[in-house]
């Protein structure tokens, strides 16, 4: 998948695979989850990685990311469901 989606346009991608490119703005973890705040030139989004849903190597790599790292991530766009 190569189609880049900007954060401002992510809502239109509900349920579809999308690639976001940007930089890590903030991060916190709570054991089995990583919460990554990613920015691009159009906005800010929080990405959630669940240890049980991604390969162990990917989860460990996300835990080692530092601020300002330029990253590209693939995944399905899921709106908040509150």
C-alpha atoms as a PDB file:
ATOM      1  CA  UNK A   1       0.000   0.000   0.000  1.00  0.00           C
ATOM      2  CA  UNK A   2       1.548   3.324  -1.070  1.00  0.00           C
ATOM      3  CA  UNK A   3      -1.288   5.830  -0.892  1.00  0.00           C
ATOM      4  CA  UNK A   4      -0.422   8.479   1.654  1.00  0.00           C
ATOM      5  CA  UNK A   5      -3.265  10.057   3.605  1.00  0.00           C
ATOM      6  CA  UNK A   6      -2.906  13.333   5.452  1.00  0.00           C
ATOM      7  CA  UNK A   7      -4.199  13.537   9.000  1.00  0.00           C
ATOM      8  CA  UNK A   8      -6.788  16.162   8.048  1.00  0.00           C
ATOM      9  CA  UNK A   9      -8.294  13.626   5.592  1.00  0.00           C
ATOM     10  CA  UNK A  10      -8.148  10.458   7.726  1.00  0.00           C
ATOM     11  CA  UNK A  11     -11.851  10.527   8.699  1.00  0.00           C
ATOM     12  CA  UNK A  12     -12.768   9.728   5.080  1.00  0.00           C
ATOM     13  CA  UNK A  13     -10.723   6.501   5.311  1.00  0.00           C
ATOM     14  CA  UNK A  14     -12.956   4.806   7.925  1.00  0.00           C
ATOM     15  CA  UNK A  15     -12.176   1.071   7.897  1.00  0.00           C
ATOM     16  CA  UNK A  16      -9.712   1.255   4.985  1.00  0.00           C
ATOM     17  CA  UNK A  17      -5.966   0.716   5.120  1.00  0.00           C
ATOM     18  CA  UNK A  18      -4.035   3.973   5.145  1.00  0.00           C
ATOM     19  CA  UNK A  19      -0.430   5.179   5.324  1.00  0.00           C
ATOM     20  CA  UNK A  20       0.317   8.166   7.540  1.00  0.00           C
ATOM     21  CA  UNK A  21       3.651   9.929   7.298  1.00  0.00           C
ATOM     22  CA  UNK A  22       4.720  12.381   9.933  1.00  0.00           C
ATOM     23  CA  UNK A  23       6.768  12.759  13.073  1.00  0.00           C
ATOM     24  CA  UNK A  24       6.322  11.462  16.579  1.00  0.00           C
ATOM     25  CA  UNK A  25       4.978  14.319  18.673  1.00  0.00           C
ATOM     26  CA  UNK A  26       4.404  12.417  21.906  1.00  0.00           C
ATOM     27  CA  UNK A  27       4.240   8.908  23.327  1.00  0.00           C
ATOM     28  CA  UNK A  28       3.044   7.084  26.399  1.00  0.00           C
ATOM     29  CA  UNK A  29       2.681   3.421  27.219  1.00  0.00           C
ATOM     30  CA  UNK A  30       0.631   1.385  29.652  1.00  0.00           C
ATOM     31  CA  UNK A  31       2.136  -2.098  29.494  1.00  0.00           C
ATOM     32  CA  UNK A  32       0.102  -3.713  26.725  1.00  0.00           C
ATOM     33  CA  UNK A  33      -0.660  -0.524  24.788  1.00  0.00           C
ATOM     34  CA  UNK A  34       1.422   2.217  23.183  1.00  0.00           C
ATOM     35  CA  UNK A  35      -0.235   5.562  22.465  1.00  0.00           C
ATOM     36  CA  UNK A  36       1.678   7.400  19.734  1.00  0.00           C
ATOM     37  CA  UNK A  37       0.804  10.996  18.874  1.00  0.00           C
ATOM     38  CA  UNK A  38       1.787  11.638  15.262  1.00  0.00           C
ATOM     39  CA  UNK A  39       1.840  15.031  13.515  1.00  0.00           C
ATOM     40  CA  UNK A  40       2.045  16.003   9.902  1.00  0.00           C
ATOM     41  CA  UNK A  41       1.661  19.432   8.325  1.00  0.00           C
ATOM     42  CA  UNK A  42      -2.135  19.155   8.541  1.00  0.00           C
ATOM     43  CA  UNK A  43      -2.826  17.993  12.088  1.00  0.00           C
ATOM     44  CA  UNK A  44      -2.290  15.619  14.999  1.00  0.00           C
ATOM     45  CA  UNK A  45      -3.586  12.067  15.503  1.00  0.00           C
ATOM     46  CA  UNK A  46      -3.212   9.433  18.211  1.00  0.00           C
ATOM     47  CA  UNK A  47      -2.293   5.925  17.054  1.00  0.00           C
ATOM     48  CA  UNK A  48      -2.859   3.006  19.424  1.00  0.00           C
ATOM     49  CA  UNK A  49      -0.748  -0.165  19.225  1.00  0.00           C
ATOM     50  CA  UNK A  50      -1.986  -3.185  21.124  1.00  0.00           C
ATOM     51  CA  UNK A  51       0.625  -5.781  22.062  1.00  0.00           C
ATOM     52  CA  UNK A  52      -1.779  -8.610  21.201  1.00  0.00           C
ATOM     53  CA  UNK A  53      -2.536  -7.222  17.710  1.00  0.00           C
ATOM     54  CA  UNK A  54       0.932  -6.466  16.306  1.00  0.00           C
ATOM     55  CA  UNK A  55       4.105  -8.569  15.997  1.00  0.00           C
ATOM     56  CA  UNK A  56       6.320  -8.457  19.104  1.00  0.00           C
ATOM     57  CA  UNK A  57       9.141  -6.793  17.137  1.00  0.00           C
ATOM     58  CA  UNK A  58       6.823  -3.982  15.989  1.00  0.00           C
ATOM     59  CA  UNK A  59       5.550  -3.417  19.533  1.00  0.00           C
ATOM     60  CA  UNK A  60       9.107  -3.292  20.896  1.00  0.00           C
ATOM     61  CA  UNK A  61      10.201  -0.910  18.120  1.00  0.00           C
ATOM     62  CA  UNK A  62       7.309   1.449  18.893  1.00  0.00           C
ATOM     63  CA  UNK A  63       8.303   1.443  22.548  1.00  0.00           C
ATOM     64  CA  UNK A  64      11.803   2.582  21.626  1.00  0.00           C
ATOM     65  CA  UNK A  65      10.786   5.508  19.429  1.00  0.00           C
ATOM     66  CA  UNK A  66      11.890   8.951  20.488  1.00  0.00           C
ATOM     67  CA  UNK A  67      10.340  12.337  19.786  1.00  0.00           C
ATOM     68  CA  UNK A  68      10.931  13.889  16.422  1.00  0.00           C
ATOM     69  CA  UNK A  69      11.422  10.573  14.629  1.00  0.00           C
ATOM     70  CA  UNK A  70      10.009  10.655  11.117  1.00  0.00           C
ATOM     71  CA  UNK A  71       7.840   7.584  10.672  1.00  0.00           C
ATOM     72  CA  UNK A  72       5.558   5.965   8.133  1.00  0.00           C
ATOM     73  CA  UNK A  73       2.877   3.666   9.499  1.00  0.00           C
ATOM     74  CA  UNK A  74       0.293   1.447   7.842  1.00  0.00           C
ATOM     75  CA  UNK A  75      -2.975   0.408   9.373  1.00  0.00           C
ATOM     76  CA  UNK A  76      -6.734   0.643   9.243  1.00  0.00           C
ATOM     77  CA  UNK A  77      -8.388   3.966   9.953  1.00  0.00           C
ATOM     78  CA  UNK A  78     -10.712   3.580  12.948  1.00  0.00           C
ATOM     79  CA  UNK A  79     -12.662   6.493  14.396  1.00  0.00           C
ATOM     80  CA  UNK A  80     -12.983   6.928  18.153  1.00  0.00           C
ATOM     81  CA  UNK A  81     -15.906   4.911  19.419  1.00  0.00           C
ATOM     82  CA  UNK A  82     -17.035   6.450  22.689  1.00  0.00           C
END
